[in-house]
Amino acid sequence: AIAALRDVRLPTLSLDTGVVDGLLASNERSETLQWKRFSVSVSCSVFVGHSEDAVALLFDPTAGEEAVSRGRLSFIVELPSLNILHVAKPSGIALPLSTITQAVPVAKERARELGQTLGI
C-alpha cells in the first residue's frame, strides 16, 4: 500500500468564488502526496523448544511456519527514524520482556530493509 501511495498523483485544486463549492480541480494530475513519515509492520512467530524456556522468534514467517508457531509478536516501526511506535503480542504463550527487548533491533533492521526496498 505504501508503494502505491508514493506514486499517487492528485489534481491541482484552486479556489473559485464563482462556483457553488468554491473549488475547481484541474484535469491534470501532477500533485504528489507529501509524506513526512511512514510506519510499517514487522512480525515474527514464536516457537518453543522442548522446554518453555527455549523460545525462538522467526521474523517474516511463511503461512506454514505461522500455522505451527505458538504465538505472534508484531512491531510498528516508523520510517526513516526506526522508532518503535507499537508492540503487540496478540496470541500464544507469554514472552519474557528480555525476549521482546532482544527482538527490537531485529525488527528495526527488517523495517530499514523494507524502507530501502520501498525507496523510503
PDB file of N, CA and C in Angstrom:
ATOM      1  N   ALA A   1       0.813  -1.189   0.000  1.00  0.00           N
ATOM      2  CA  ALA A   1       0.000   0.000   0.000  1.00  0.00           C
ATOM      3  C   ALA A   1       0.863   1.262   0.000  1.00  0.00           C
ATOM      4  N   ILE A   2       1.976   1.219   0.746  1.00  0.00           N
ATOM      5  CA  ILE A   2       2.849   2.395   0.816  1.00  0.00           C
ATOM      6  C   ILE A   2       3.424   2.705  -0.558  1.00  0.00           C
ATOM      7  N   ALA A   3       3.873   1.657  -1.254  1.00  0.00           N
ATOM      8  CA  ALA A   3       4.464   1.874  -2.583  1.00  0.00           C
ATOM      9  C   ALA A   3       3.436   2.490  -3.528  1.00  0.00           C
ATOM     10  N   ALA A   4       2.193   2.046  -3.469  1.00  0.00           N
ATOM     11  CA  ALA A   4       1.151   2.601  -4.333  1.00  0.00           C
ATOM     12  C   ALA A   4       0.865   4.056  -3.992  1.00  0.00           C
ATOM     13  N   LEU A   5       0.819   4.380  -2.714  1.00  0.00           N
ATOM     14  CA  LEU A   5       0.536   5.759  -2.311  1.00  0.00           C
ATOM     15  C   LEU A   5       1.664   6.717  -2.693  1.00  0.00           C
ATOM     16  N   ARG A   6       2.895   6.207  -2.739  1.00  0.00           N
ATOM     17  CA  ARG A   6       4.020   7.058  -3.139  1.00  0.00           C
ATOM     18  C   ARG A   6       3.856   7.552  -4.566  1.00  0.00           C
ATOM     19  N   ASP A   7       3.172   6.771  -5.416  1.00  0.00           N
ATOM     20  CA  ASP A   7       3.033   7.117  -6.826  1.00  0.00           C
ATOM     21  C   ASP A   7       1.705   7.789  -7.171  1.00  0.00           C
ATOM     22  N   VAL A   8       0.869   8.040  -6.183  1.00  0.00           N
ATOM     23  CA  VAL A   8      -0.424   8.691  -6.431  1.00  0.00           C
ATOM     24  C   VAL A   8      -0.194  10.106  -6.949  1.00  0.00           C
ATOM     25  N   ARG A   9      -0.942  10.493  -7.955  1.00  0.00           N
ATOM     26  CA  ARG A   9      -0.910  11.860  -8.490  1.00  0.00           C
ATOM     27  C   ARG A   9      -2.309  12.443  -8.337  1.00  0.00           C
ATOM     28  N   LEU A  10      -2.377  13.616  -7.738  1.00  0.00           N
ATOM     29  CA  LEU A  10      -3.651  14.272  -7.462  1.00  0.00           C
ATOM     30  C   LEU A  10      -3.816  15.488  -8.354  1.00  0.00           C
ATOM     31  N   PRO A  11      -5.067  15.869  -8.643  1.00  0.00           N
ATOM     32  CA  PRO A  11      -5.288  17.095  -9.413  1.00  0.00           C
ATOM     33  C   PRO A  11      -4.963  18.326  -8.570  1.00  0.00           C
ATOM     34  N   THR A  12      -4.554  19.393  -9.232  1.00  0.00           N
ATOM     35  CA  THR A  12      -4.319  20.657  -8.550  1.00  0.00           C
ATOM     36  C   THR A  12      -5.671  21.297  -8.250  1.00  0.00           C
ATOM     37  N   LEU A  13      -5.847  21.790  -7.032  1.00  0.00           N
ATOM     38  CA  LEU A  13      -7.092  22.444  -6.636  1.00  0.00           C
ATOM     39  C   LEU A  13      -6.886  23.951  -6.620  1.00  0.00           C
ATOM     40  N   SER A  14      -7.930  24.657  -7.051  1.00  0.00           N
ATOM     41  CA  SER A  14      -7.873  26.116  -6.983  1.00  0.00           C
ATOM     42  C   SER A  14      -9.206  26.634  -6.463  1.00  0.00           C
ATOM     43  N   LEU A  15      -9.158  27.779  -5.834  1.00  0.00           N
ATOM     44  CA  LEU A  15     -10.344  28.395  -5.256  1.00  0.00           C
ATOM     45  C   LEU A  15     -10.998  29.287  -6.305  1.00  0.00           C
ATOM     46  N   ASP A  16     -12.307  29.094  -6.505  1.00  0.00           N
ATOM     47  CA  ASP A  16     -13.057  29.903  -7.467  1.00  0.00           C
ATOM     48  C   ASP A  16     -14.333  30.366  -6.780  1.00  0.00           C
ATOM     49  N   THR A  17     -14.435  31.644  -6.512  1.00  0.00           N
ATOM     50  CA  THR A  17     -15.601  32.181  -5.803  1.00  0.00           C
ATOM     51  C   THR A  17     -16.852  32.193  -6.663  1.00  0.00           C
ATOM     52  N   GLY A  18     -16.706  31.987  -7.979  1.00  0.00           N
ATOM     53  CA  GLY A  18     -17.874  31.981  -8.863  1.00  0.00           C
ATOM     54  C   GLY A  18     -18.540  30.618  -8.949  1.00  0.00           C
ATOM     55  N   VAL A  19     -18.055  29.636  -8.201  1.00  0.00           N
ATOM     56  CA  VAL A  19     -18.610  28.281  -8.238  1.00  0.00           C
ATOM     57  C   VAL A  19     -19.217  27.986  -6.873  1.00  0.00           C
ATOM     58  N   VAL A  20     -20.308  27.197  -6.858  1.00  0.00           N
ATOM     59  CA  VAL A  20     -21.023  26.913  -5.614  1.00  0.00           C
ATOM     60  C   VAL A  20     -20.093  26.311  -4.554  1.00  0.00           C
ATOM     61  N   ASP A  21     -19.347  25.281  -4.896  1.00  0.00           N
ATOM     62  CA  ASP A  21     -18.472  24.626  -3.913  1.00  0.00           C
ATOM     63  C   ASP A  21     -17.186  25.409  -3.682  1.00  0.00           C
ATOM     64  N   GLY A  22     -16.810  26.267  -4.608  1.00  0.00           N
ATOM     65  CA  GLY A  22     -15.639  27.098  -4.438  1.00  0.00           C
ATOM     66  C   GLY A  22     -14.320  26.469  -4.846  1.00  0.00           C
ATOM     67  N   LEU A  23     -14.292  25.185  -5.148  1.00  0.00           N
ATOM     68  CA  LEU A  23     -13.054  24.524  -5.540  1.00  0.00           C
ATOM     69  C   LEU A  23     -13.158  23.995  -6.962  1.00  0.00           C
ATOM     70  N   LEU A  24     -12.107  24.193  -7.703  1.00  0.00           N
ATOM     71  CA  LEU A  24     -12.003  23.630  -9.048  1.00  0.00           C
ATOM     72  C   LEU A  24     -10.798  22.707  -9.083  1.00  0.00           C
ATOM     73  N   ALA A  25     -10.981  21.533  -9.657  1.00  0.00           N
ATOM     74  CA  ALA A  25      -9.879  20.581  -9.785  1.00  0.00           C
ATOM     75  C   ALA A  25      -9.447  20.535 -11.240  1.00  0.00           C
ATOM     76  N   SER A  26      -8.153  20.596 -11.458  1.00  0.00           N
ATOM     77  CA  SER A  26      -7.648  20.513 -12.828  1.00  0.00           C
ATOM     78  C   SER A  26      -7.763  19.084 -13.329  1.00  0.00           C
ATOM     79  N   ASN A  27      -7.777  18.925 -14.637  1.00  0.00           N
ATOM     80  CA  ASN A  27      -7.802  17.584 -15.222  1.00  0.00           C
ATOM     81  C   ASN A  27      -6.428  16.925 -15.153  1.00  0.00           C
ATOM     82  N   GLU A  28      -5.388  17.738 -15.055  1.00  0.00           N
ATOM     83  CA  GLU A  28      -4.036  17.211 -14.978  1.00  0.00           C
ATOM     84  C   GLU A  28      -3.739  16.754 -13.558  1.00  0.00           C
ATOM     85  N   ARG A  29      -3.172  15.578 -13.420  1.00  0.00           N
ATOM     86  CA  ARG A  29      -2.828  15.027 -12.104  1.00  0.00           C
ATOM     87  C   ARG A  29      -1.315  15.130 -11.911  1.00  0.00           C
ATOM     88  N   SER A  30      -0.894  16.199 -11.268  1.00  0.00           N
ATOM     89  CA  SER A  30       0.537  16.435 -11.128  1.00  0.00           C
ATOM     90  C   SER A  30       0.998  16.539  -9.675  1.00  0.00           C
ATOM     91  N   GLU A  31       0.073  16.698  -8.759  1.00  0.00           N
ATOM     92  CA  GLU A  31       0.444  16.857  -7.355  1.00  0.00           C
ATOM     93  C   GLU A  31       0.688  15.492  -6.719  1.00  0.00           C
ATOM     94  N   THR A  32       1.769  15.372  -5.946  1.00  0.00           N
ATOM     95  CA  THR A  32       2.055  14.137  -5.232  1.00  0.00           C
ATOM     96  C   THR A  32       1.724  14.310  -3.755  1.00  0.00           C
ATOM     97  N   LEU A  33       1.501  13.202  -3.080  1.00  0.00           N
ATOM     98  CA  LEU A  33       1.287  13.256  -1.641  1.00  0.00           C
ATOM     99  C   LEU A  33       2.613  13.567  -0.964  1.00  0.00           C
ATOM    100  N   GLN A  34       2.581  14.436   0.009  1.00  0.00           N
ATOM    101  CA  GLN A  34       3.796  14.802   0.738  1.00  0.00           C
ATOM    102  C   GLN A  34       3.822  14.026   2.058  1.00  0.00           C
ATOM    103  N   TRP A  35       4.745  13.094   2.153  1.00  0.00           N
ATOM    104  CA  TRP A  35       4.847  12.253   3.339  1.00  0.00           C
ATOM    105  C   TRP A  35       5.987  12.731   4.225  1.00  0.00           C
ATOM    106  N   LYS A  36       5.720  12.855   5.489  1.00  0.00           N
ATOM    107  CA  LYS A  36       6.770  13.199   6.437  1.00  0.00           C
ATOM    108  C   LYS A  36       7.313  11.951   7.112  1.00  0.00           C
ATOM    109  N   ARG A  37       6.465  10.955   7.229  1.00  0.00           N
ATOM    110  CA  ARG A  37       6.898   9.701   7.833  1.00  0.00           C
ATOM    111  C   ARG A  37       5.982   8.569   7.392  1.00  0.00           C
ATOM    112  N   PHE A  38       6.510   7.380   7.451  1.00  0.00           N
ATOM    113  CA  PHE A  38       5.766   6.162   7.158  1.00  0.00           C
ATOM    114  C   PHE A  38       5.878   5.264   8.379  1.00  0.00           C
ATOM    115  N   SER A  39       4.979   4.334   8.501  1.00  0.00           N
ATOM    116  CA  SER A  39       5.151   3.291   9.503  1.00  0.00           C
ATOM    117  C   SER A  39       4.862   1.949   8.836  1.00  0.00           C
ATOM    118  N   VAL A  40       5.628   0.949   9.228  1.00  0.00           N
ATOM    119  CA  VAL A  40       5.482  -0.389   8.664  1.00  0.00           C
ATOM    120  C   VAL A  40       5.340  -1.394   9.795  1.00  0.00           C
ATOM    121  N   SER A  41       4.713  -2.507   9.489  1.00  0.00           N
ATOM    122  CA  SER A  41       4.542  -3.584  10.447  1.00  0.00           C
ATOM    123  C   SER A  41       5.600  -4.657  10.183  1.00  0.00           C
ATOM    124  N   VAL A  42       6.235  -5.102  11.235  1.00  0.00           N
ATOM    125  CA  VAL A  42       7.207  -6.188  11.174  1.00  0.00           C
ATOM    126  C   VAL A  42       6.738  -7.241  12.166  1.00  0.00           C
ATOM    127  N   SER A  43       6.543  -8.468  11.688  1.00  0.00           N
ATOM    128  CA  SER A  43       6.008  -9.518  12.551  1.00  0.00           C
ATOM    129  C   SER A  43       6.969 -10.690  12.665  1.00  0.00           C
ATOM    130  N   CYS A  44       6.833 -11.400  13.770  1.00  0.00           N
ATOM    131  CA  CYS A  44       7.587 -12.639  13.941  1.00  0.00           C
ATOM    132  C   CYS A  44       6.693 -13.660  14.624  1.00  0.00           C
ATOM    133  N   SER A  45       7.005 -14.916  14.398  1.00  0.00           N
ATOM    134  CA  SER A  45       6.290 -16.014  15.051  1.00  0.00           C
ATOM    135  C   SER A  45       7.135 -16.549  16.187  1.00  0.00           C
ATOM    136  N   VAL A  46       6.460 -17.085  17.197  1.00  0.00           N
ATOM    137  CA  VAL A  46       7.116 -17.606  18.389  1.00  0.00           C
ATOM    138  C   VAL A  46       7.140 -19.134  18.306  1.00  0.00           C
ATOM    139  N   PHE A  47       8.318 -19.702  18.493  1.00  0.00           N
ATOM    140  CA  PHE A  47       8.474 -21.155  18.508  1.00  0.00           C
ATOM    141  C   PHE A  47       9.097 -21.554  19.835  1.00  0.00           C
ATOM    142  N   VAL A  48       8.662 -22.701  20.365  1.00  0.00           N
ATOM    143  CA  VAL A  48       9.137 -23.178  21.659  1.00  0.00           C
ATOM    144  C   VAL A  48       9.788 -24.537  21.461  1.00  0.00           C
ATOM    145  N   GLY A  49      10.950 -24.712  22.122  1.00  0.00           N
ATOM    146  CA  GLY A  49      11.648 -25.993  22.068  1.00  0.00           C
ATOM    147  C   GLY A  49      11.024 -26.987  23.030  1.00  0.00           C
ATOM    148  N   HIS A  50      11.855 -27.896  23.529  1.00  0.00           N
ATOM    149  CA  HIS A  50      11.360 -28.937  24.438  1.00  0.00           C
ATOM    150  C   HIS A  50      10.918 -28.376  25.784  1.00  0.00           C
ATOM    151  N   SER A  51      11.450 -27.235  26.163  1.00  0.00           N
ATOM    152  CA  SER A  51      11.012 -26.599  27.399  1.00  0.00           C
ATOM    153  C   SER A  51      10.485 -25.209  27.070  1.00  0.00           C
ATOM    154  N   GLU A  52       9.640 -24.704  27.930  1.00  0.00           N
ATOM    155  CA  GLU A  52       9.058 -23.378  27.716  1.00  0.00           C
ATOM    156  C   GLU A  52      10.125 -22.281  27.722  1.00  0.00           C
ATOM    157  N   ASP A  53      11.312 -22.581  28.272  1.00  0.00           N
ATOM    158  CA  ASP A  53      12.393 -21.601  28.321  1.00  0.00           C
ATOM    159  C   ASP A  53      13.125 -21.472  26.990  1.00  0.00           C
ATOM    160  N   ALA A  54      12.997 -22.463  26.132  1.00  0.00           N
ATOM    161  CA  ALA A  54      13.696 -22.450  24.841  1.00  0.00           C
ATOM    162  C   ALA A  54      12.785 -21.820  23.792  1.00  0.00           C
ATOM    163  N   VAL A  55      12.807 -20.486  23.723  1.00  0.00           N
ATOM    164  CA  VAL A  55      11.934 -19.737  22.818  1.00  0.00           C
ATOM    165  C   VAL A  55      12.762 -19.178  21.667  1.00  0.00           C
ATOM    166  N   ALA A  56      12.247 -19.313  20.451  1.00  0.00           N
ATOM    167  CA  ALA A  56      12.901 -18.727  19.274  1.00  0.00           C
ATOM    168  C   ALA A  56      11.876 -17.884  18.535  1.00  0.00           C
ATOM    169  N   LEU A  57      12.329 -16.770  17.984  1.00  0.00           N
ATOM    170  CA  LEU A  57      11.469 -15.890  17.190  1.00  0.00           C
ATOM    171  C   LEU A  57      11.908 -15.976  15.732  1.00  0.00           C
ATOM    172  N   LEU A  58      10.962 -16.129  14.839  1.00  0.00           N
ATOM    173  CA  LEU A  58      11.242 -16.198  13.410  1.00  0.00           C
ATOM    174  C   LEU A  58      10.547 -15.018  12.731  1.00  0.00           C
ATOM    175  N   PHE A  59      11.347 -14.096  12.171  1.00  0.00           N
ATOM    176  CA  PHE A  59      10.789 -12.927  11.506  1.00  0.00           C
ATOM    177  C   PHE A  59      10.355 -13.277  10.089  1.00  0.00           C
ATOM    178  N   ASP A  60       9.308 -12.607   9.620  1.00  0.00           N
ATOM    179  CA  ASP A  60       8.728 -12.818   8.292  1.00  0.00           C
ATOM    180  C   ASP A  60       8.423 -14.288   8.029  1.00  0.00           C
ATOM    181  N   PRO A  61       7.641 -14.911   8.903  1.00  0.00           N
ATOM    182  CA  PRO A  61       7.349 -16.334   8.730  1.00  0.00           C
ATOM    183  C   PRO A  61       6.429 -16.588   7.532  1.00  0.00           C
ATOM    184  N   THR A  62       6.543 -17.787   6.984  1.00  0.00           N
ATOM    185  CA  THR A  62       5.626 -18.216   5.925  1.00  0.00           C
ATOM    186  C   THR A  62       4.308 -18.612   6.577  1.00  0.00           C
ATOM    187  N   ALA A  63       3.285 -18.845   5.769  1.00  0.00           N
ATOM    188  CA  ALA A  63       1.985 -19.259   6.309  1.00  0.00           C
ATOM    189  C   ALA A  63       2.117 -20.600   7.029  1.00  0.00           C
ATOM    190  N   GLY A  64       2.923 -21.510   6.478  1.00  0.00           N
ATOM    191  CA  GLY A  64       3.125 -22.803   7.112  1.00  0.00           C
ATOM    192  C   GLY A  64       3.821 -22.692   8.451  1.00  0.00           C
ATOM    193  N   GLU A  65       4.804 -21.797   8.525  1.00  0.00           N
ATOM    194  CA  GLU A  65       5.511 -21.580   9.790  1.00  0.00           C
ATOM    195  C   GLU A  65       4.593 -20.948  10.822  1.00  0.00           C
ATOM    196  N   GLU A  66       3.757 -20.017  10.386  1.00  0.00           N
ATOM    197  CA  GLU A  66       2.813 -19.399  11.318  1.00  0.00           C
ATOM    198  C   GLU A  66       1.839 -20.424  11.876  1.00  0.00           C
ATOM    199  N   ALA A  67       1.446 -21.383  11.035  1.00  0.00           N
ATOM    200  CA  ALA A  67       0.458 -22.382  11.447  1.00  0.00           C
ATOM    201  C   ALA A  67       0.962 -23.252  12.597  1.00  0.00           C
ATOM    202  N   VAL A  68       2.268 -23.484  12.673  1.00  0.00           N
ATOM    203  CA  VAL A  68       2.804 -24.351  13.729  1.00  0.00           C
ATOM    204  C   VAL A  68       3.467 -23.557  14.857  1.00  0.00           C
ATOM    205  N   SER A  69       3.385 -22.257  14.797  1.00  0.00           N
ATOM    206  CA  SER A  69       4.010 -21.433  15.843  1.00  0.00           C
ATOM    207  C   SER A  69       3.137 -21.407  17.092  1.00  0.00           C
ATOM    208  N   ARG A  70       3.716 -20.936  18.174  1.00  0.00           N
ATOM    209  CA  ARG A  70       2.999 -20.857  19.450  1.00  0.00           C
ATOM    210  C   ARG A  70       2.551 -19.447  19.780  1.00  0.00           C
ATOM    211  N   GLY A  71       2.660 -18.524  18.805  1.00  0.00           N
ATOM    212  CA  GLY A  71       2.225 -17.156  19.035  1.00  0.00           C
ATOM    213  C   GLY A  71       2.837 -16.221  18.021  1.00  0.00           C
ATOM    214  N   ARG A  72       2.506 -14.954  18.168  1.00  0.00           N
ATOM    215  CA  ARG A  72       2.989 -13.934  17.246  1.00  0.00           C
ATOM    216  C   ARG A  72       3.348 -12.678  18.023  1.00  0.00           C
ATOM    217  N   LEU A  73       4.334 -11.959  17.477  1.00  0.00           N
ATOM    218  CA  LEU A  73       4.781 -10.695  18.055  1.00  0.00           C
ATOM    219  C   LEU A  73       4.940  -9.728  16.892  1.00  0.00           C
ATOM    220  N   SER A  74       4.341  -8.541  17.000  1.00  0.00           N
ATOM    221  CA  SER A  74       4.401  -7.560  15.917  1.00  0.00           C
ATOM    222  C   SER A  74       4.886  -6.217  16.436  1.00  0.00           C
ATOM    223  N   PHE A  75       5.639  -5.544  15.578  1.00  0.00           N
ATOM    224  CA  PHE A  75       6.149  -4.206  15.870  1.00  0.00           C
ATOM    225  C   PHE A  75       5.676  -3.263  14.778  1.00  0.00           C
ATOM    226  N   ILE A  76       5.272  -2.053  15.155  1.00  0.00           N
ATOM    227  CA  ILE A  76       5.038  -0.986  14.193  1.00  0.00           C
ATOM    228  C   ILE A  76       6.242  -0.064  14.301  1.00  0.00           C
ATOM    229  N   VAL A  77       6.950   0.107  13.166  1.00  0.00           N
ATOM    230  CA  VAL A  77       8.196   0.864  13.157  1.00  0.00           C
ATOM    231  C   VAL A  77       8.040   2.064  12.235  1.00  0.00           C
ATOM    232  N   GLU A  78       8.419   3.227  12.726  1.00  0.00           N
ATOM    233  CA  GLU A  78       8.362   4.456  11.933  1.00  0.00           C
ATOM    234  C   GLU A  78       9.599   4.549  11.048  1.00  0.00           C
ATOM    235  N   LEU A  79       9.380   4.938   9.802  1.00  0.00           N
ATOM    236  CA  LEU A  79      10.482   5.164   8.866  1.00  0.00           C
ATOM    237  C   LEU A  79      10.540   6.642   8.540  1.00  0.00           C
ATOM    238  N   PRO A  80      11.680   7.228   8.378  1.00  0.00           N
ATOM    239  CA  PRO A  80      13.006   6.613   8.399  1.00  0.00           C
ATOM    240  C   PRO A  80      13.657   6.595   9.778  1.00  0.00           C
ATOM    241  N   SER A  81      12.998   7.059  10.823  1.00  0.00           N
ATOM    242  CA  SER A  81      13.635   7.203  12.140  1.00  0.00           C
ATOM    243  C   SER A  81      13.912   5.865  12.831  1.00  0.00           C
ATOM    244  N   LEU A  82      13.165   4.821  12.450  1.00  0.00           N
ATOM    245  CA  LEU A  82      13.232   3.494  13.069  1.00  0.00           C
ATOM    246  C   LEU A  82      12.778   3.489  14.530  1.00  0.00           C
ATOM    247  N   ASN A  83      11.959   4.459  14.889  1.00  0.00           N
ATOM    248  CA  ASN A  83      11.352   4.455  16.222  1.00  0.00           C
ATOM    249  C   ASN A  83      10.286   3.366  16.293  1.00  0.00           C
ATOM    250  N   ILE A  84      10.249   2.658  17.408  1.00  0.00           N
ATOM    251  CA  ILE A  84       9.190   1.665  17.625  1.00  0.00           C
ATOM    252  C   ILE A  84       7.960   2.425  18.122  1.00  0.00           C
ATOM    253  N   LEU A  85       6.872   2.353  17.361  1.00  0.00           N
ATOM    254  CA  LEU A  85       5.650   3.068  17.733  1.00  0.00           C
ATOM    255  C   LEU A  85       4.693   2.202  18.544  1.00  0.00           C
ATOM    256  N   HIS A  86       4.752   0.875  18.296  1.00  0.00           N
ATOM    257  CA  HIS A  86       3.792  -0.011  18.954  1.00  0.00           C
ATOM    258  C   HIS A  86       4.346  -1.430  18.945  1.00  0.00           C
ATOM    259  N   VAL A  87       4.078  -2.164  20.007  1.00  0.00           N
ATOM    260  CA  VAL A  87       4.415  -3.583  20.089  1.00  0.00           C
ATOM    261  C   VAL A  87       3.136  -4.313  20.457  1.00  0.00           C
ATOM    262  N   ALA A  88       2.831  -5.376  19.727  1.00  0.00           N
ATOM    263  CA  ALA A  88       1.615  -6.158  20.000  1.00  0.00           C
ATOM    264  C   ALA A  88       1.983  -7.626  20.153  1.00  0.00           C
ATOM    265  N   LYS A  89       1.412  -8.252  21.129  1.00  0.00           N
ATOM    266  CA  LYS A  89       1.583  -9.684  21.368  1.00  0.00           C
ATOM    267  C   LYS A  89       0.180 -10.261  21.488  1.00  0.00           C
ATOM    268  N   PRO A  90      -0.507 -10.444  20.319  1.00  0.00           N
ATOM    269  CA  PRO A  90      -1.930 -10.767  20.353  1.00  0.00           C
ATOM    270  C   PRO A  90      -2.292 -12.201  20.727  1.00  0.00           C
ATOM    271  N   SER A  91      -1.346 -13.142  20.620  1.00  0.00           N
ATOM    272  CA  SER A  91      -1.750 -14.521  20.859  1.00  0.00           C
ATOM    273  C   SER A  91      -0.567 -15.357  21.315  1.00  0.00           C
ATOM    274  N   GLY A  92      -0.887 -16.552  21.793  1.00  0.00           N
ATOM    275  CA  GLY A  92       0.142 -17.518  22.114  1.00  0.00           C
ATOM    276  C   GLY A  92       0.676 -17.412  23.519  1.00  0.00           C
ATOM    277  N   ILE A  93       1.832 -18.044  23.719  1.00  0.00           N
ATOM    278  CA  ILE A  93       2.430 -18.130  25.044  1.00  0.00           C
ATOM    279  C   ILE A  93       2.968 -16.767  25.497  1.00  0.00           C
ATOM    280  N   ALA A  94       3.115 -16.632  26.788  1.00  0.00           N
ATOM    281  CA  ALA A  94       3.693 -15.406  27.347  1.00  0.00           C
ATOM    282  C   ALA A  94       5.180 -15.360  27.020  1.00  0.00           C
ATOM    283  N   LEU A  95       5.690 -14.169  26.743  1.00  0.00           N
ATOM    284  CA  LEU A  95       7.105 -13.984  26.460  1.00  0.00           C
ATOM    285  C   LEU A  95       7.728 -13.121  27.541  1.00  0.00           C
ATOM    286  N   PRO A  96       8.937 -13.478  27.964  1.00  0.00           N
ATOM    287  CA  PRO A  96       9.614 -12.590  28.916  1.00  0.00           C
ATOM    288  C   PRO A  96       9.989 -11.287  28.234  1.00  0.00           C
ATOM    289  N   LEU A  97      10.031 -10.218  29.001  1.00  0.00           N
ATOM    290  CA  LEU A  97      10.382  -8.904  28.466  1.00  0.00           C
ATOM    291  C   LEU A  97      11.757  -8.937  27.803  1.00  0.00           C
ATOM    292  N   SER A  98      12.661  -9.733  28.315  1.00  0.00           N
ATOM    293  CA  SER A  98      14.007  -9.817  27.728  1.00  0.00           C
ATOM    294  C   SER A  98      13.967 -10.344  26.296  1.00  0.00           C
ATOM    295  N   THR A  99      13.079 -11.274  26.006  1.00  0.00           N
ATOM    296  CA  THR A  99      12.945 -11.803  24.636  1.00  0.00           C
ATOM    297  C   THR A  99      12.419 -10.726  23.705  1.00  0.00           C
ATOM    298  N   ILE A 100      11.426  -9.978  24.167  1.00  0.00           N
ATOM    299  CA  ILE A 100      10.869  -8.893  23.350  1.00  0.00           C
ATOM    300  C   ILE A 100      11.925  -7.822  23.123  1.00  0.00           C
ATOM    301  N   THR A 101      12.662  -7.485  24.166  1.00  0.00           N
ATOM    302  CA  THR A 101      13.720  -6.480  24.052  1.00  0.00           C
ATOM    303  C   THR A 101      14.794  -6.907  23.054  1.00  0.00           C
ATOM    304  N   GLN A 102      15.157  -8.187  23.057  1.00  0.00           N
ATOM    305  CA  GLN A 102      16.161  -8.697  22.116  1.00  0.00           C
ATOM    306  C   GLN A 102      15.644  -8.669  20.678  1.00  0.00           C
ATOM    307  N   ALA A 103      14.335  -8.696  20.494  1.00  0.00           N
ATOM    308  CA  ALA A 103      13.758  -8.691  19.153  1.00  0.00           C
ATOM    309  C   ALA A 103      13.717  -7.291  18.538  1.00  0.00           C
ATOM    310  N   VAL A 104      13.802  -6.252  19.353  1.00  0.00           N
ATOM    311  CA  VAL A 104      13.688  -4.878  18.855  1.00  0.00           C
ATOM    312  C   VAL A 104      14.724  -4.536  17.790  1.00  0.00           C
ATOM    313  N   PRO A 105      16.019  -4.807  17.993  1.00  0.00           N
ATOM    314  CA  PRO A 105      16.988  -4.470  16.938  1.00  0.00           C
ATOM    315  C   PRO A 105      16.735  -5.216  15.622  1.00  0.00           C
ATOM    316  N   VAL A 106      16.268  -6.449  15.731  1.00  0.00           N
ATOM    317  CA  VAL A 106      15.959  -7.224  14.522  1.00  0.00           C
ATOM    318  C   VAL A 106      14.762  -6.602  13.801  1.00  0.00           C
ATOM    319  N   ALA A 107      13.741  -6.200  14.553  1.00  0.00           N
ATOM    320  CA  ALA A 107      12.570  -5.556  13.948  1.00  0.00           C
ATOM    321  C   ALA A 107      12.971  -4.257  13.255  1.00  0.00           C
ATOM    322  N   LYS A 108      13.859  -3.487  13.883  1.00  0.00           N
ATOM    323  CA  LYS A 108      14.310  -2.235  13.274  1.00  0.00           C
ATOM    324  C   LYS A 108      15.091  -2.502  11.986  1.00  0.00           C
ATOM    325  N   GLU A 109      15.915  -3.522  11.989  1.00  0.00           N
ATOM    326  CA  GLU A 109      16.688  -3.858  10.786  1.00  0.00           C
ATOM    327  C   GLU A 109      15.770  -4.313   9.658  1.00  0.00           C
ATOM    328  N   ARG A 110      14.768  -5.132   9.981  1.00  0.00           N
ATOM    329  CA  ARG A 110      13.807  -5.584   8.958  1.00  0.00           C
ATOM    330  C   ARG A 110      13.037  -4.380   8.406  1.00  0.00           C
ATOM    331  N   ALA A 111      12.658  -3.430   9.261  1.00  0.00           N
ATOM    332  CA  ALA A 111      11.957  -2.222   8.813  1.00  0.00           C
ATOM    333  C   ALA A 111      12.853  -1.375   7.922  1.00  0.00           C
ATOM    334  N   ARG A 112      14.141  -1.252   8.299  1.00  0.00           N
ATOM    335  CA  ARG A 112      15.089  -0.488   7.489  1.00  0.00           C
ATOM    336  C   ARG A 112      15.222  -1.114   6.096  1.00  0.00           C
ATOM    337  N   GLU A 113      15.318  -2.440   6.039  1.00  0.00           N
ATOM    338  CA  GLU A 113      15.406  -3.142   4.756  1.00  0.00           C
ATOM    339  C   GLU A 113      14.143  -2.920   3.923  1.00  0.00           C
ATOM    340  N   LEU A 114      12.987  -2.979   4.581  1.00  0.00           N
ATOM    341  CA  LEU A 114      11.723  -2.727   3.882  1.00  0.00           C
ATOM    342  C   LEU A 114      11.678  -1.304   3.356  1.00  0.00           C
ATOM    343  N   GLY A 115      12.140  -0.347   4.153  1.00  0.00           N
ATOM    344  CA  GLY A 115      12.183   1.041   3.717  1.00  0.00           C
ATOM    345  C   GLY A 115      13.080   1.224   2.505  1.00  0.00           C
ATOM    346  N   GLN A 116      14.225   0.542   2.486  1.00  0.00           N
ATOM    347  CA  GLN A 116      15.114   0.616   1.321  1.00  0.00           C
ATOM    348  C   GLN A 116      14.433   0.043   0.086  1.00  0.00           C
ATOM    349  N   THR A 117      13.759  -1.075   0.245  1.00  0.00           N
ATOM    350  CA  THR A 117      13.048  -1.695  -0.869  1.00  0.00           C
ATOM    351  C   THR A 117      11.991  -0.752  -1.436  1.00  0.00           C
ATOM    352  N   LEU A 118      11.300  -0.036  -0.549  1.00  0.00           N
ATOM    353  CA  LEU A 118      10.238   0.883  -0.967  1.00  0.00           C
ATOM    354  C   LEU A 118      10.771   2.252  -1.375  1.00  0.00           C
ATOM    355  N   GLY A 119      12.058   2.485  -1.196  1.00  0.00           N
ATOM    356  CA  GLY A 119      12.637   3.771  -1.544  1.00  0.00           C
ATOM    357  C   GLY A 119      12.310   4.866  -0.561  1.00  0.00           C
ATOM    358  N   ILE A 120      12.158   4.515   0.711  1.00  0.00           N
ATOM    359  CA  ILE A 120      11.807   5.477   1.764  1.00  0.00           C
ATOM    360  C   ILE A 120      13.056   5.843   2.541  1.00  0.00           C
TER     361      ILE A 120
END
